[in-house]
N, C-alpha and C. Protein backbone atom coordinates (compact mmCIF):
# COMPACT_ATOMS: atom_id res chain seq x y z
N MET A 1 -30.58 -50.01 8.61
CA MET A 1 -30.46 -50.70 9.89
C MET A 1 -29.08 -50.49 10.51
N TRP A 2 -28.06 -50.51 9.67
CA TRP A 2 -26.71 -50.34 10.21
C TRP A 2 -26.52 -48.93 10.75
N LYS A 3 -27.23 -47.94 10.20
CA LYS A 3 -27.15 -46.57 10.70
C LYS A 3 -27.71 -46.49 12.12
N LEU A 4 -28.77 -47.23 12.36
CA LEU A 4 -29.36 -47.27 13.70
C LEU A 4 -28.37 -47.87 14.70
N ALA A 5 -27.70 -48.94 14.32
CA ALA A 5 -26.73 -49.58 15.20
C ALA A 5 -25.55 -48.65 15.48
N ILE A 6 -25.07 -47.95 14.45
CA ILE A 6 -23.96 -47.02 14.65
C ILE A 6 -24.39 -45.85 15.54
N GLY A 7 -25.61 -45.36 15.36
CA GLY A 7 -26.12 -44.29 16.21
C GLY A 7 -26.23 -44.73 17.66
N PHE A 8 -26.68 -45.95 17.88
CA PHE A 8 -26.78 -46.46 19.24
C PHE A 8 -25.41 -46.58 19.88
N VAL A 9 -24.44 -47.12 19.16
CA VAL A 9 -23.09 -47.27 19.69
C VAL A 9 -22.47 -45.90 19.98
N ALA A 10 -22.68 -44.93 19.10
CA ALA A 10 -22.14 -43.59 19.32
C ALA A 10 -22.77 -42.94 20.55
N PHE A 11 -24.09 -43.07 20.69
CA PHE A 11 -24.77 -42.49 21.85
C PHE A 11 -24.31 -43.17 23.14
N ALA A 12 -24.17 -44.49 23.12
CA ALA A 12 -23.71 -45.21 24.31
C ALA A 12 -22.29 -44.79 24.68
N ALA A 13 -21.42 -44.64 23.69
CA ALA A 13 -20.04 -44.23 23.96
C ALA A 13 -19.99 -42.83 24.55
N LEU A 14 -20.78 -41.92 23.99
CA LEU A 14 -20.83 -40.55 24.51
C LEU A 14 -21.37 -40.53 25.94
N SER A 15 -22.41 -41.31 26.19
CA SER A 15 -23.00 -41.37 27.53
C SER A 15 -22.00 -41.90 28.54
N LEU A 16 -21.31 -42.98 28.21
CA LEU A 16 -20.30 -43.53 29.12
C LEU A 16 -19.17 -42.55 29.36
N PHE A 17 -18.75 -41.83 28.31
CA PHE A 17 -17.70 -40.84 28.46
C PHE A 17 -18.11 -39.76 29.45
N VAL A 18 -19.33 -39.24 29.32
CA VAL A 18 -19.81 -38.18 30.21
C VAL A 18 -19.92 -38.70 31.64
N ILE A 19 -20.44 -39.92 31.82
CA ILE A 19 -20.59 -40.48 33.15
C ILE A 19 -19.23 -40.66 33.82
N PHE A 20 -18.25 -41.20 33.09
CA PHE A 20 -16.94 -41.43 33.68
C PHE A 20 -16.20 -40.12 33.94
N GLN A 21 -16.42 -39.09 33.14
CA GLN A 21 -15.78 -37.80 33.38
C GLN A 21 -16.36 -37.12 34.61
N ALA A 22 -17.66 -37.26 34.83
CA ALA A 22 -18.32 -36.61 35.96
C ALA A 22 -17.94 -37.29 37.28
N GLY A 23 -17.67 -38.58 37.24
CA GLY A 23 -17.28 -39.29 38.45
C GLY A 23 -18.38 -39.30 39.49
N ASP A 24 -18.05 -38.92 40.72
CA ASP A 24 -19.02 -38.97 41.81
C ASP A 24 -19.77 -37.65 41.98
N LYS A 25 -19.67 -36.74 41.02
CA LYS A 25 -20.34 -35.44 41.14
C LYS A 25 -21.77 -35.47 40.63
N VAL A 26 -22.20 -36.58 40.03
CA VAL A 26 -23.54 -36.67 39.45
C VAL A 26 -24.54 -37.01 40.55
N ASP A 27 -25.61 -36.22 40.63
CA ASP A 27 -26.67 -36.46 41.61
C ASP A 27 -27.82 -37.16 40.91
N MET A 28 -27.99 -38.46 41.17
CA MET A 28 -29.02 -39.24 40.51
C MET A 28 -30.24 -39.47 41.41
N SER A 29 -30.40 -38.65 42.45
CA SER A 29 -31.46 -38.89 43.42
C SER A 29 -32.81 -38.32 42.98
N GLY A 30 -32.86 -37.60 41.88
CA GLY A 30 -34.15 -37.11 41.40
C GLY A 30 -34.48 -35.70 41.85
N GLU A 31 -35.74 -35.35 41.74
CA GLU A 31 -36.20 -34.01 42.09
C GLU A 31 -36.08 -33.76 43.59
N LYS A 32 -35.76 -32.53 43.94
CA LYS A 32 -35.64 -32.17 45.35
C LYS A 32 -36.62 -31.04 45.66
N HIS A 33 -37.18 -31.08 46.85
CA HIS A 33 -38.12 -30.05 47.30
C HIS A 33 -37.79 -29.68 48.73
N GLY A 34 -38.10 -28.44 49.09
CA GLY A 34 -37.93 -28.00 50.47
C GLY A 34 -36.47 -27.82 50.87
N THR A 35 -36.16 -28.24 52.10
CA THR A 35 -34.82 -28.00 52.64
C THR A 35 -33.75 -28.81 51.93
N GLU A 36 -34.11 -29.95 51.37
CA GLU A 36 -33.09 -30.75 50.69
C GLU A 36 -32.68 -30.15 49.36
N ALA A 37 -33.44 -29.19 48.84
CA ALA A 37 -33.11 -28.54 47.57
C ALA A 37 -32.07 -27.45 47.75
N VAL A 38 -31.81 -27.04 48.98
CA VAL A 38 -30.86 -25.97 49.26
C VAL A 38 -29.44 -26.52 49.14
N ALA A 39 -28.59 -25.76 48.46
CA ALA A 39 -27.19 -26.17 48.31
C ALA A 39 -26.48 -26.10 49.67
N PRO A 40 -25.47 -26.92 49.88
CA PRO A 40 -24.71 -26.86 51.13
C PRO A 40 -24.10 -25.47 51.33
N SER A 41 -23.93 -25.08 52.57
CA SER A 41 -23.40 -23.72 52.84
C SER A 41 -22.02 -23.56 52.24
N GLY A 42 -21.79 -22.41 51.63
CA GLY A 42 -20.52 -22.14 50.99
C GLY A 42 -20.56 -22.44 49.50
N ALA A 43 -21.36 -23.37 49.07
CA ALA A 43 -21.42 -23.71 47.66
C ALA A 43 -22.10 -22.61 46.86
N ALA A 44 -23.17 -22.02 47.41
CA ALA A 44 -23.91 -20.99 46.70
C ALA A 44 -23.33 -19.60 46.91
N SER A 45 -22.53 -19.43 47.95
CA SER A 45 -22.02 -18.09 48.26
C SER A 45 -20.90 -17.67 47.30
N GLY A 46 -20.22 -18.62 46.70
CA GLY A 46 -19.14 -18.29 45.78
C GLY A 46 -17.86 -17.92 46.48
N ALA A 47 -17.80 -18.10 47.78
CA ALA A 47 -16.59 -17.75 48.54
C ALA A 47 -15.50 -18.78 48.27
N THR A 48 -14.30 -18.28 47.99
CA THR A 48 -13.16 -19.18 47.79
C THR A 48 -12.16 -18.97 48.92
N HIS A 49 -11.53 -20.02 49.30
CA HIS A 49 -10.57 -19.92 50.41
C HIS A 49 -9.17 -20.10 49.91
């Protein structure tokens, strides 16, 4: 039972770490279809300024 609790705590800590590192870059809006699935202009072209 204690192994389950330690696994849960480790998974929660890892999840929080990833979420806080990503900041506002995470898109939680779900699946996209059609025109909304297209990346903003410049993002897919790879052009750097």
